[in-house]
N, C-alpha and C. Protein backbone atom coordinates (compact mmCIF):
# COMPACT_ATOMS: atom_id res chain seq x y z
N MET A 1 123.64 111.05 80.22
CA MET A 1 124.22 112.52 79.76
C MET A 1 123.27 112.92 80.99
N ILE A 2 123.93 113.94 81.79
CA ILE A 2 124.10 114.76 82.76
C ILE A 2 123.13 116.24 81.44
N ASN A 3 121.55 116.58 82.23
CA ASN A 3 121.11 117.97 81.64
C ASN A 3 121.39 119.01 82.91
N THR A 4 121.31 119.71 82.14
CA THR A 4 121.78 121.81 83.01
C THR A 4 120.79 121.50 83.79
N PRO A 5 121.09 122.66 84.54
CA PRO A 5 119.87 122.81 85.59
C PRO A 5 118.90 123.38 85.04
N GLN A 6 118.99 124.17 83.85
CA GLN A 6 117.74 124.36 83.00
C GLN A 6 116.71 123.10 82.82
N GLU A 7 117.46 122.54 82.16
CA GLU A 7 116.48 121.38 81.83
C GLU A 7 116.31 120.21 83.01
N GLN A 8 117.05 119.99 83.88
CA GLN A 8 116.03 119.35 85.26
C GLN A 8 114.90 120.47 85.89
N ARG A 9 115.08 121.31 85.78
CA ARG A 9 114.07 122.35 86.67
C ARG A 9 113.11 122.25 86.29
N ILE A 10 112.68 121.86 84.14
CA ILE A 10 111.67 121.77 83.91
C ILE A 10 110.99 120.24 83.81
N LEU A 11 111.76 118.97 83.88
CA LEU A 11 111.99 118.08 84.19
C LEU A 11 110.71 117.97 85.66
N GLN A 12 111.55 118.79 86.55
CA GLN A 12 110.44 118.32 87.72
C GLN A 12 109.14 119.17 87.79
N SER A 13 108.20 118.16 89.05
CA SER A 13 106.69 118.70 88.74
C SER A 13 107.18 120.02 89.73
N LYS A 14 106.00 121.00 89.77
CA LYS A 14 105.91 122.25 91.02
C LYS A 14 106.09 121.84 92.19
N LEU A 15 104.95 120.28 92.37
CA LEU A 15 105.32 120.48 93.72
C LEU A 15 106.36 119.71 94.23
N GLY A 16 107.74 118.81 93.33
CA GLY A 16 108.70 118.72 93.44
C GLY A 16 109.77 119.55 93.13
N ARG A 17 109.46 121.01 92.68
CA ARG A 17 109.74 122.11 92.85
C ARG A 17 109.65 122.97 94.87
N VAL A 18 108.72 123.38 95.12
CA VAL A 18 108.58 123.49 96.06
C VAL A 18 109.42 122.82 97.02
N ARG A 19 108.79 121.27 97.07
CA ARG A 19 110.19 120.45 98.28
C ARG A 19 111.65 120.91 98.22
N GLY A 20 111.82 120.66 96.64
CA GLY A 20 113.61 120.77 96.47
C GLY A 20 113.74 119.47 96.22
N LEU A 21 112.60 118.52 95.93
CA LEU A 21 112.83 117.32 95.35
C LEU A 21 112.74 116.36 93.83
N GLY A 22 113.99 115.76 93.30
CA GLY A 22 113.86 115.77 91.50
C GLY A 22 112.70 114.66 91.72
N SER A 23 112.71 114.12 90.65
CA SER A 23 111.44 112.83 90.05
C SER A 23 112.57 111.63 90.65
N THR A 24 113.56 111.79 91.05
CA THR A 24 113.90 110.47 91.29
C THR A 24 114.83 110.68 92.96
N ARG A 25 114.17 111.10 93.69
CA ARG A 25 114.25 110.90 95.34
C ARG A 25 113.21 111.05 95.82
N GLU A 26 111.98 110.55 95.05
CA GLU A 26 110.40 110.34 96.35
C GLU A 26 110.98 108.67 96.19
N GLY A 27 111.15 107.91 95.72
CA GLY A 27 110.89 106.94 95.96
C GLY A 27 111.65 105.80 96.74
N VAL A 28 112.89 106.31 96.63
CA VAL A 28 114.27 106.33 97.17
C VAL A 28 113.79 105.55 98.61
N HIS A 29 113.51 106.13 99.66
CA HIS A 29 113.34 105.32 100.77
C HIS A 29 112.53 104.04 101.11
N HIS A 30 110.98 104.06 99.84
CA HIS A 30 110.07 102.68 99.98
C HIS A 30 111.15 101.79 99.27
N TRP A 31 111.75 102.38 98.52
CA TRP A 31 112.43 101.27 97.59
C TRP A 31 113.84 100.30 98.81
N TRP A 32 114.29 101.69 99.47
CA TRP A 32 115.36 101.32 100.19
C TRP A 32 115.31 100.08 101.67
N ALA A 33 114.00 100.25 101.87
CA ALA A 33 113.07 99.64 103.65
C ALA A 33 112.84 98.35 102.68
N GLN A 34 112.29 98.11 101.38
CA GLN A 34 111.50 97.00 101.13
C GLN A 34 113.36 96.19 100.64
N ARG A 35 114.37 96.29 100.41
CA ARG A 35 115.25 95.67 100.04
C ARG A 35 115.82 95.32 101.59
N MET A 36 115.81 96.62 102.59
CA MET A 36 116.92 95.79 104.02
C MET A 36 115.90 94.92 104.41
N SER A 37 114.54 95.11 103.69
CA SER A 37 113.14 94.05 104.80
C SER A 37 113.84 92.58 103.71
N ALA A 38 114.27 92.26 102.91
CA ALA A 38 114.51 91.35 102.54
C ALA A 38 115.45 90.70 102.35
N VAL A 39 116.66 91.49 102.51
CA VAL A 39 117.81 90.98 103.27
C VAL A 39 118.13 90.58 105.08
N ALA A 40 117.18 91.43 105.67
CA ALA A 40 116.38 90.93 107.39
C ALA A 40 116.01 89.60 106.98
N LEU A 41 114.39 89.47 106.15
CA LEU A 41 114.24 88.15 105.79
C LEU A 41 114.99 86.37 105.58
N LEU A 42 115.55 87.45 104.98
CA LEU A 42 116.91 86.00 104.59
C LEU A 42 117.11 85.52 105.65
N PRO A 43 117.92 85.73 106.88
CA PRO A 43 118.29 84.72 107.95
C PRO A 43 117.47 84.33 108.90
N LEU A 44 116.18 85.38 108.91
CA LEU A 44 115.26 84.40 109.44
C LEU A 44 114.32 84.16 109.12
N ALA A 45 114.25 84.08 107.82
CA ALA A 45 113.57 82.78 107.18
C ALA A 45 114.25 81.80 107.10
N LEU A 46 115.58 81.90 107.14
CA LEU A 46 116.30 80.13 107.00
C LEU A 46 116.42 79.68 108.16
N TRP A 47 116.44 80.34 109.63
CA TRP A 47 116.49 80.00 111.29
C TRP A 47 115.45 79.05 111.18
N PHE A 48 113.70 80.16 110.77
CA PHE A 48 112.76 79.09 110.38
C PHE A 48 112.26 78.39 110.04
N VAL A 49 112.72 78.02 108.71
CA VAL A 49 113.16 76.79 108.28
C VAL A 49 114.23 75.46 109.02
N PHE A 50 115.29 76.26 109.53
CA PHE A 50 115.31 75.13 109.91
C PHE A 50 115.07 74.78 111.70
N SER A 51 114.60 75.50 111.68
CA SER A 51 114.20 75.45 113.50
C SER A 51 112.25 74.27 113.19
N VAL A 52 111.95 74.21 112.66
CA VAL A 52 110.81 73.74 112.16
C VAL A 52 111.08 72.56 111.30
N ILE A 53 112.10 72.07 110.94
CA ILE A 53 112.99 70.56 110.50
C ILE A 53 112.86 69.70 111.78
N SER A 54 114.03 70.29 112.88
CA SER A 54 114.27 70.61 113.82
C SER A 54 112.81 70.25 115.01
N LEU A 55 112.23 70.59 114.51
CA LEU A 55 110.82 70.43 115.60
C LEU A 55 109.90 69.17 114.16
N THR A 56 110.21 68.44 114.06
CA THR A 56 109.49 67.22 113.05
C THR A 56 109.16 66.31 113.84
N GLY A 57 108.47 66.27 114.06
CA GLY A 57 107.28 64.80 114.73
C GLY A 57 107.03 65.33 116.47
N SER A 58 107.54 66.69 116.76
CA SER A 58 107.29 67.34 117.88
C SER A 58 105.86 66.99 118.07
N ASP A 59 105.34 66.86 119.37
CA ASP A 59 104.04 67.32 119.91
C ASP A 59 103.97 69.09 120.71
N TYR A 60 103.07 69.03 120.33
CA TYR A 60 102.70 70.62 121.09
C TYR A 60 102.75 70.95 122.15
N ALA A 61 103.29 70.16 122.92
CA ALA A 61 103.79 70.74 123.98
C ALA A 61 105.45 71.20 124.40
N SER A 62 106.21 70.61 123.25
CA SER A 62 107.39 70.38 122.92
C SER A 62 107.54 71.89 122.60
N PHE A 63 106.86 71.96 120.86
CA PHE A 63 106.34 73.16 120.24
C PHE A 63 106.42 74.19 121.24
N THR A 64 105.65 74.21 122.62
CA THR A 64 105.07 75.87 123.02
C THR A 64 106.63 75.63 123.87
N ALA A 65 107.05 74.39 124.37
CA ALA A 65 108.28 74.68 125.16
C ALA A 65 109.42 75.81 124.14
N TRP A 66 109.91 75.49 122.56
CA TRP A 66 110.26 75.83 121.69
C TRP A 66 110.25 76.92 122.34
N ALA A 67 108.62 77.26 121.47
CA ALA A 67 108.48 78.71 121.15
C ALA A 67 108.47 80.19 122.97
N GLY A 68 108.22 78.79 124.02
CA GLY A 68 108.56 79.65 124.68
C GLY A 68 110.13 80.30 125.42
N GLU A 69 111.17 79.90 124.55
CA GLU A 69 112.31 79.85 125.06
C GLU A 69 112.44 81.74 124.62
N PHE A 70 113.32 81.52 125.12
CA PHE A 70 113.45 83.74 124.98
C PHE A 70 113.89 83.89 123.34
N GLY A 71 115.13 83.38 122.73
CA GLY A 71 115.58 83.68 121.75
C GLY A 71 114.74 83.03 120.36
N ASN A 72 113.67 82.05 120.81
CA ASN A 72 113.22 81.50 119.84
C ASN A 72 111.87 83.18 119.23
N SER A 73 111.22 82.66 120.52
CA SER A 73 110.25 83.95 120.10
C SER A 73 110.29 85.14 120.04
N VAL A 74 111.60 85.93 120.15
CA VAL A 74 112.24 87.18 119.81
C VAL A 74 112.16 86.55 118.75
N PHE A 75 112.68 85.79 117.64
CA PHE A 75 113.18 85.94 116.75
C PHE A 75 112.27 85.23 115.70
N LEU A 76 110.92 84.75 116.41
CA LEU A 76 109.57 85.25 116.01
C LEU A 76 108.91 86.23 115.52
N VAL A 77 109.04 86.51 116.17
CA VAL A 77 108.75 87.88 117.13
C VAL A 77 108.55 89.22 115.25
N LEU A 78 110.41 89.13 115.41
CA LEU A 78 111.42 89.64 114.30
C LEU A 78 110.95 89.11 113.14
N LEU A 79 110.37 87.70 112.90
CA LEU A 79 110.22 86.77 111.87
C LEU A 79 108.86 87.81 111.10
N VAL A 80 108.03 87.57 112.11
CA VAL A 80 106.86 88.32 111.82
C VAL A 80 105.97 89.78 111.59
N VAL A 81 107.30 90.73 112.01
CA VAL A 81 107.00 91.89 111.87
C VAL A 81 107.77 92.58 110.24
N THR A 82 108.84 91.49 110.35
CA THR A 82 109.79 91.66 108.49
C THR A 82 109.03 91.57 107.85
N MET A 83 108.04 90.34 108.03
CA MET A 83 107.58 89.82 106.54
C MET A 83 105.93 90.24 106.21
N PHE A 84 105.54 90.96 107.39
CA PHE A 84 104.22 91.58 106.91
C PHE A 84 104.69 93.18 106.62
N HIS A 85 105.87 93.36 107.17
CA HIS A 85 106.01 94.57 106.77
C HIS A 85 106.85 94.47 105.18
N HIS A 86 107.24 93.77 105.04
CA HIS A 86 108.07 93.62 103.47
C HIS A 86 106.47 92.91 102.16
N ALA A 87 105.76 92.59 103.07
CA ALA A 87 104.66 91.90 101.89
C ALA A 87 103.79 93.16 101.93
N GLN A 88 103.70 94.33 102.98
CA GLN A 88 102.96 95.10 102.64
C GLN A 88 103.08 96.61 101.26
N LEU A 89 104.93 96.51 101.95
CA LEU A 89 105.65 96.84 100.63
C LEU A 89 105.39 96.22 99.32
N GLY A 90 105.69 95.48 99.39
CA GLY A 90 105.64 95.15 97.96
C GLY A 90 104.08 95.57 97.57
N LEU A 91 103.08 95.00 98.04
CA LEU A 91 101.39 95.11 97.96
C LEU A 91 101.95 95.96 96.88
N GLN A 92 102.18 97.51 97.75
CA GLN A 92 102.10 98.69 97.89
C GLN A 92 101.77 99.18 96.48
N VAL A 93 103.21 98.75 95.53
CA VAL A 93 104.10 98.76 94.56
C VAL A 93 103.37 97.98 93.49
N VAL A 94 102.56 97.52 93.77
CA VAL A 94 101.78 96.59 92.77
C VAL A 94 101.08 97.00 92.69
N ILE A 95 99.99 97.92 93.37
CA ILE A 95 98.75 98.69 93.42
C ILE A 95 98.94 99.51 92.54
N GLU A 96 100.06 100.49 93.73
CA GLU A 96 100.44 101.56 92.94
C GLU A 96 100.21 101.81 91.04
N ASP A 97 100.85 100.60 90.49
CA ASP A 97 101.67 100.18 89.13
C ASP A 97 100.52 99.65 88.82
N TYR A 98 99.46 98.62 89.16
CA TYR A 98 98.70 98.62 88.01
C TYR A 98 96.71 98.69 88.79
N VAL A 99 96.90 99.78 89.65
CA VAL A 99 95.66 99.99 89.60
C VAL A 99 95.39 101.63 89.45
N HIS A 100 94.36 101.30 88.51
CA HIS A 100 94.30 103.08 87.93
C HIS A 100 94.05 104.04 88.53
N SER A 101 92.75 103.84 88.79
CA SER A 101 91.31 104.12 89.59
C SER A 101 91.44 104.61 91.25
N GLU A 102 91.66 106.12 91.04
CA GLU A 102 92.47 106.41 92.17
C GLU A 102 91.37 106.03 93.48
N ILE A 103 90.19 105.58 93.43
CA ILE A 103 89.18 105.66 94.72
C ILE A 103 89.50 104.05 94.98
N TRP A 104 89.89 103.11 93.44
CA TRP A 104 89.78 101.30 93.85
C TRP A 104 91.19 101.66 94.57
N LYS A 105 92.51 102.29 94.49
CA LYS A 105 93.78 102.05 94.92
C LYS A 105 94.05 102.89 96.56
N VAL A 106 93.75 103.63 96.61
CA VAL A 106 93.22 104.07 97.45
C VAL A 106 92.18 103.23 99.06
N GLY A 107 92.00 102.85 98.08
CA GLY A 107 90.71 101.82 99.55
C GLY A 107 92.04 100.11 98.73
N LEU A 108 92.02 100.01 98.08
CA LEU A 108 93.26 98.85 98.66
C LEU A 108 94.24 98.84 99.82
N LEU A 109 94.66 100.53 99.05
CA LEU A 109 96.32 100.93 99.80
C LEU A 109 95.82 100.39 101.51
N LEU A 110 94.86 101.53 101.73
CA LEU A 110 93.90 101.39 103.11
C LEU A 110 94.45 99.80 103.91
N PHE A 111 93.02 99.23 102.96
CA PHE A 111 93.21 97.36 102.97
C PHE A 111 94.38 96.83 103.24
N VAL A 112 95.42 96.82 102.73
CA VAL A 112 96.53 96.07 102.59
C VAL A 112 97.24 97.16 103.78
N LYS A 113 97.59 98.24 103.92
CA LYS A 113 98.71 98.25 104.84
C LYS A 113 97.64 98.45 106.82
N TYR A 114 96.68 98.67 106.42
CA TYR A 114 95.70 97.84 108.03
C TYR A 114 95.34 96.26 108.20
N GLY A 115 95.50 95.51 106.93
CA GLY A 115 95.41 94.31 107.50
C GLY A 115 96.99 93.77 107.63
N SER A 116 97.52 94.22 107.22
CA SER A 116 99.33 94.26 107.60
C SER A 116 99.19 94.05 109.03
N VAL A 117 98.99 95.67 109.66
CA VAL A 117 98.70 95.76 110.91
C VAL A 117 98.44 94.93 112.23
N VAL A 118 96.72 94.33 111.59
CA VAL A 118 96.27 93.54 112.15
C VAL A 118 96.69 92.05 112.12
N PHE A 119 97.19 91.68 111.13
CA PHE A 119 97.15 90.46 111.05
C PHE A 119 98.30 90.40 111.95
N GLY A 120 99.86 91.20 112.12
CA GLY A 120 100.95 91.29 112.03
C GLY A 120 101.03 91.07 113.69
N PHE A 121 99.38 91.75 114.19
CA PHE A 121 99.13 91.66 115.54
C PHE A 121 98.41 90.61 116.25
N SER A 122 98.69 89.72 115.10
CA SER A 122 97.42 89.42 115.92
C SER A 122 98.08 88.22 115.99
N ALA A 123 99.27 88.15 114.79
CA ALA A 123 100.51 87.13 115.18
C ALA A 123 101.49 87.17 116.25
N ILE A 124 101.85 88.56 116.53
CA ILE A 124 102.36 88.93 117.39
C ILE A 124 101.96 88.56 119.16
N PHE A 125 100.83 88.45 119.01
CA PHE A 125 99.79 88.29 120.45
C PHE A 125 99.80 87.14 120.34
N ALA A 126 99.52 85.63 118.99
CA ALA A 126 99.31 84.37 119.62
C ALA A 126 101.16 84.28 119.92
N ILE A 127 101.88 84.57 119.76
CA ILE A 127 102.82 84.16 119.79
C ILE A 127 103.52 84.28 121.47
N LEU A 128 102.85 85.41 121.80
CA LEU A 128 103.49 85.98 122.92
C LEU A 128 102.71 85.02 124.13
N LYS A 129 101.51 84.86 124.03
CA LYS A 129 100.45 83.72 124.44
C LYS A 129 101.01 82.64 124.14
N ILE A 130 101.80 81.64 123.57
CA ILE A 130 102.50 80.80 123.87
C ILE A 130 103.57 80.71 124.70
N SER A 131 104.21 82.04 124.21
CA SER A 131 105.50 81.99 125.21
C SER A 131 105.48 82.37 126.27
N ILE A 132 104.30 83.09 126.90
CA ILE A 132 104.45 83.41 127.98
C ILE A 132 103.52 81.77 129.08
N ALA A 133 102.70 81.31 128.32
CA ALA A 133 102.20 80.23 128.65
C ALA A 133 102.61 79.34 128.67
N GLY A 134 103.55 78.78 128.07
CA GLY A 134 104.60 77.91 128.15
C GLY A 134 106.26 77.81 128.48
């Protein structure tokens, strides 16, 4: 059922009226980013699984040689960035929906965001170190 403009204005918050946003336009970017990261993770995860299966029984030297190849290191970095971004988006939704204390909510959101950045950069650094040394 389509509401009249007056009914829509009543349903909007004061901040939403000032910004010109309705109740449904606020989370679209977050929803879209999570869906796009999930779509990007599908081929990257399949590539990673098949690559790991092909490396079964290999030693460390052959793994570093594999990771040192240009395409493999680029795909590994893309996998790490996409995976941590997707995980951060998903955890953000869970925290916003189920944590009701504002102090805990803000603290957990900061912890998740900065944690994903720190662990993501650590993983990228490890990939680059292996690919450059190998």
